[in-house]
């Protein structure tokens, strides 16, 4: 039971850390031509 809870918590933390947060990041994330928008 503890293993399942830890696994779900790890997935939740990873999802929160790696999702696009701001409007600019969402636009960049949803743009099909995102090679020009990678921020290099």
Protein backbone atom coordinates (compact mmCIF):
# COMPACT_ATOMS: atom_id res chain seq x y z
CA UNK A 1 0.00 0.00 0.00
CA UNK A 2 2.81 2.38 0.87
CA UNK A 3 4.50 1.60 -2.45
CA UNK A 4 1.39 2.58 -4.43
CA UNK A 5 1.07 5.86 -2.54
CA UNK A 6 4.74 6.71 -3.12
CA UNK A 7 4.46 5.82 -6.81
CA UNK A 8 1.41 8.05 -7.29
CA UNK A 9 3.08 10.87 -5.37
CA UNK A 10 6.17 10.61 -7.58
CA UNK A 11 4.02 10.77 -10.73
CA UNK A 12 2.20 13.82 -9.35
CA UNK A 13 5.46 15.63 -8.54
CA UNK A 14 6.90 14.87 -11.99
CA UNK A 15 3.70 16.10 -13.66
CA UNK A 16 3.74 19.35 -11.66
CA UNK A 17 7.43 19.98 -12.38
CA UNK A 18 7.33 19.31 -16.12
CA UNK A 19 4.00 20.75 -17.24
CA UNK A 20 3.98 24.13 -19.02
CA UNK A 21 2.79 26.72 -16.53
CA UNK A 22 2.62 30.22 -18.01
CA UNK A 23 0.64 31.40 -21.05
CA UNK A 24 3.88 31.87 -23.01
CA UNK A 25 4.98 28.33 -22.19
CA UNK A 26 1.54 26.97 -23.11
CA UNK A 27 1.67 28.75 -26.47
CA UNK A 28 5.15 27.38 -27.07
CA UNK A 29 4.02 23.90 -25.98
CA UNK A 30 0.96 23.90 -28.25
CA UNK A 31 2.68 25.43 -31.28
CA UNK A 32 3.27 22.89 -34.03
CA UNK A 33 6.36 24.74 -35.31
CA UNK A 34 8.17 24.71 -32.01
CA UNK A 35 11.74 24.46 -33.35
CA UNK A 36 11.75 28.24 -33.71
CA UNK A 37 10.32 28.70 -30.22
CA UNK A 38 12.61 26.50 -28.19
CA UNK A 39 14.24 29.50 -26.49
CA UNK A 40 17.75 29.00 -27.80
